[in-house]
Amino acid sequence: MDMGTGKTALPALIKACGIDILAVDKDADQIKDNPCVRGGYCSFEILQKDLLEIQMDNTFDMVTCISVLEHNKDHLPVVKGMAKMLKPGGVLIMTFPFNEEEYIPNAYQLPLAGYGRDAGPNNICQMYSKKEVELWCKEANLTLEDQQYWKAFTGKYWTNGQRMWPMKQVSKTEDHQLTCMTLKKN
């Protein structure tokens, strides 16, 4: 299950590896503009649903949520909902803006934000910390299996400073603004 697919090809890449995939996105325009839903070998279905509204009868070995969670004000119910979709021992793979020690409710509103200020009051970009990850693990019966840290900007926070391309993988103690983590359902 891929949550918040948007226009990405991630589900098509997963399907090309021979894995059955289902995707979800609430934005009809994103679904319509995804080139991978038009048919063909790697086409896949995208359900039009909000992450907080999804009810599934079946469970999955893996749920991915790539750069989506930070845009949902109610992050705990979303993580709990994704964990509920996992089989025991299944994995949740997520990427999102991250600062080890400090939660930022909206990185777009930071004084040095490089973009996002004009996006409107409903377009937020949370920057989570280890405190939120610990809460998700406790409340959703998950265990942090692996975590990588990435420097995406030259400044301390998401969108601060110059965007780095390619991003640089760094250690936990170096400045970073993005994480990729694998959480396992107990």
Protein backbone atom coordinates (compact mmCIF):
# COMPACT_ATOMS: atom_id res chain seq x y z
CA MET A 1 0.00 0.00 0.00
CA ASP A 2 1.39 3.40 -0.98
CA MET A 3 -0.16 6.31 0.89
CA GLY A 4 -0.37 9.72 -0.81
CA THR A 5 0.95 8.54 -4.16
CA GLY A 6 0.46 11.82 -6.01
CA LYS A 7 2.23 11.87 -9.37
CA THR A 8 5.07 9.56 -8.36
CA ALA A 9 6.05 6.34 -10.07
CA LEU A 10 6.92 4.49 -6.84
CA PRO A 11 3.93 2.11 -7.06
CA ALA A 12 4.77 1.37 -10.71
CA LEU A 13 8.35 0.54 -9.72
CA ILE A 14 7.10 -1.76 -6.95
CA LYS A 15 4.67 -3.43 -9.36
CA ALA A 16 7.45 -3.86 -11.94
CA CYS A 17 9.25 -5.96 -9.30
CA GLY A 18 6.27 -8.35 -9.30
CA ILE A 19 4.64 -7.08 -6.12
CA ASP A 20 0.90 -6.36 -5.98
CA ILE A 21 0.35 -2.70 -5.09
CA LEU A 22 -2.58 -0.50 -4.12
CA ALA A 23 -2.21 3.27 -3.85
CA VAL A 24 -4.18 6.06 -2.17
CA ASP A 25 -4.36 9.80 -2.75
CA LYS A 26 -7.12 12.27 -1.90
CA ASP A 27 -6.37 14.71 -4.73
CA ALA A 28 -8.26 13.86 -7.93
CA ASP A 29 -5.91 16.06 -10.01
CA GLN A 30 -2.87 14.18 -8.69
CA ILE A 31 -4.49 10.88 -9.61
CA LYS A 32 -5.52 12.12 -13.05
CA ASP A 33 -2.00 13.44 -13.77
CA ASN A 34 -0.17 10.30 -12.64
CA PRO A 35 1.15 8.78 -15.89
CA CYS A 36 1.20 5.28 -14.39
CA VAL A 37 -2.56 4.91 -14.05
CA ARG A 38 -3.28 5.01 -17.77
CA GLY A 39 -2.87 1.30 -18.38
CA GLY A 40 -0.04 -0.90 -19.43
CA TYR A 41 2.28 -3.33 -17.70
CA CYS A 42 3.02 -1.23 -14.64
CA SER A 43 -0.28 0.55 -14.23
CA PHE A 44 -1.87 0.46 -10.80
CA GLU A 45 -5.05 1.57 -9.10
CA ILE A 46 -5.17 4.72 -6.97
CA LEU A 47 -8.08 4.98 -4.54
CA GLN A 48 -9.27 8.55 -4.00
CA LYS A 49 -9.41 8.77 -0.21
CA ASP A 50 -8.10 10.95 2.59
CA LEU A 51 -5.48 9.21 4.77
CA LEU A 52 -7.73 9.62 7.80
CA GLU A 53 -10.74 8.02 6.06
CA ILE A 54 -9.23 4.78 4.80
CA GLN A 55 -10.85 1.58 6.04
CA MET A 56 -9.36 -1.65 4.71
CA ASP A 57 -10.53 -5.21 5.29
CA ASN A 58 -7.20 -6.69 4.26
CA THR A 59 -3.72 -6.07 5.64
CA PHE A 60 -0.41 -5.53 3.91
CA ASP A 61 3.21 -6.67 4.26
CA MET A 62 4.39 -3.12 3.61
CA VAL A 63 2.94 0.39 3.67
CA THR A 64 4.91 3.29 2.22
CA CYS A 65 4.33 6.98 2.93
CA ILE A 66 6.88 9.06 1.05
CA SER A 67 6.94 12.79 1.82
CA VAL A 68 3.23 12.95 2.68
CA LEU A 69 2.83 12.68 6.46
CA GLU A 70 4.26 16.17 7.09
CA HIS A 71 1.28 17.73 5.28
CA ASN A 72 -1.32 16.14 7.63
CA LYS A 73 -2.07 18.09 10.82
CA ASP A 74 -3.31 14.93 12.56
CA HIS A 75 -0.16 12.85 12.18
CA LEU A 76 -0.80 10.41 15.05
CA PRO A 77 -4.15 9.11 13.71
CA VAL A 78 -2.59 8.78 10.23
CA VAL A 79 0.34 6.72 11.56
CA LYS A 80 -2.02 4.59 13.68
CA GLY A 81 -4.20 4.02 10.62
CA MET A 82 -1.23 2.93 8.52
CA ALA A 83 -0.01 0.62 11.29
CA LYS A 84 -3.49 -0.93 11.50
CA MET A 85 -3.17 -1.86 7.80
CA LEU A 86 0.01 -3.85 8.46
CA LYS A 87 0.20 -7.57 9.07
CA PRO A 88 2.12 -8.51 12.25
CA GLY A 89 5.80 -8.14 11.32
CA GLY A 90 4.90 -5.85 8.40
CA VAL A 91 6.89 -2.69 7.78
CA LEU A 92 5.97 0.96 7.44
CA ILE A 93 8.47 2.94 5.36
CA MET A 94 8.24 6.73 5.64
CA THR A 95 10.18 9.81 4.66
CA PHE A 96 9.51 13.27 6.07
CA PRO A 97 11.25 16.45 7.27
CA PHE A 98 13.02 15.66 10.53
CA ASN A 99 15.05 17.36 13.23
CA GLU A 100 16.28 15.03 15.96
CA GLU A 101 15.49 17.33 18.89
CA GLU A 102 12.88 19.88 17.79
CA TYR A 103 9.35 19.56 16.38
CA ILE A 104 8.44 22.37 13.95
CA PRO A 105 4.65 22.69 13.37
CA ASN A 106 5.11 24.36 9.97
CA ALA A 107 8.54 24.74 8.39
CA TYR A 108 6.97 26.90 5.68
CA GLN A 109 6.39 29.63 8.28
CA LEU A 110 9.94 29.73 9.66
CA PRO A 111 11.61 33.15 9.21
CA LEU A 112 14.19 31.78 6.76
CA ALA A 113 11.85 29.45 4.84
CA GLY A 114 12.90 29.35 1.21
CA TYR A 115 9.44 28.41 -0.06
CA GLY A 116 5.91 27.51 1.07
CA ARG A 117 4.90 30.76 2.78
CA ASP A 118 2.45 31.66 0.01
CA ALA A 119 0.90 28.20 -0.12
CA GLY A 120 -2.03 29.13 2.10
CA PRO A 121 -3.01 28.27 5.66
CA ASN A 122 -3.97 24.66 4.89
CA ASN A 123 -0.65 23.79 3.27
CA ILE A 124 1.64 22.90 6.15
CA CYS A 125 4.96 21.12 6.37
CA GLN A 126 5.64 19.67 9.80
CA MET A 127 9.19 18.79 10.75
CA TYR A 128 9.04 15.90 13.21
CA SER A 129 11.48 14.98 15.97
CA LYS A 130 12.40 11.78 17.80
CA LYS A 131 9.67 12.60 20.34
CA GLU A 132 6.93 12.17 17.69
CA VAL A 133 8.53 8.96 16.41
CA GLU A 134 8.58 7.55 19.96
CA LEU A 135 4.89 8.50 20.36
CA TRP A 136 3.98 6.77 17.07
CA CYS A 137 5.84 3.62 18.14
CA LYS A 138 4.12 3.54 21.53
CA GLU A 139 0.60 4.35 20.30
CA ALA A 140 0.67 2.28 17.09
CA ASN A 141 2.57 -0.78 18.39
CA LEU A 142 5.59 -0.18 16.15
CA THR A 143 9.34 -0.59 16.59
CA LEU A 144 11.89 1.60 14.84
CA GLU A 145 13.98 -0.83 12.77
CA ASP A 146 16.17 1.52 10.73
CA GLN A 147 16.62 5.24 10.22
CA GLN A 148 18.70 7.29 7.80
CA TYR A 149 19.38 11.02 8.02
CA TRP A 150 19.68 13.31 5.01
CA LYS A 151 20.89 16.86 4.54
CA ALA A 152 18.66 18.47 1.91
CA PHE A 153 19.31 22.17 2.60
CA THR A 154 22.35 24.16 3.71
CA GLY A 155 20.41 25.66 6.67
CA LYS A 156 19.28 24.02 9.89
CA TYR A 157 15.61 23.44 8.98
CA TRP A 158 13.57 22.20 6.02
CA THR A 159 13.53 24.89 3.26
CA ASN A 160 16.23 26.96 5.05
CA GLY A 161 19.26 27.85 2.95
CA GLN A 162 20.07 26.50 -0.48
CA ARG A 163 18.53 23.22 -1.65
CA MET A 164 21.21 20.55 -2.02
CA TRP A 165 21.14 18.26 -5.03
CA PRO A 166 21.88 15.55 -4.65
CA MET A 167 20.97 15.34 -0.99
CA LYS A 168 23.71 14.03 1.26
CA GLN A 169 23.30 11.15 3.69
CA VAL A 170 24.72 12.21 7.06
CA SER A 171 25.03 10.86 10.58
CA LYS A 172 22.49 11.43 13.34
CA THR A 173 24.74 14.07 14.92
CA GLU A 174 25.22 16.14 11.75
CA ASP A 175 22.71 18.75 10.59
CA HIS A 176 19.88 17.05 8.70
CA GLN A 177 16.40 18.00 7.56
CA LEU A 178 14.99 14.73 6.24
CA THR A 179 14.74 11.16 7.46
CA CYS A 180 13.86 7.83 5.94
CA MET A 181 12.75 5.20 8.43
CA THR A 182 11.45 1.68 8.64
CA LEU A 183 9.03 0.87 11.45
CA LYS A 184 7.98 -2.72 12.12
CA LYS A 185 4.59 -3.76 13.48
CA ASN A 186 4.93 -5.78 16.67
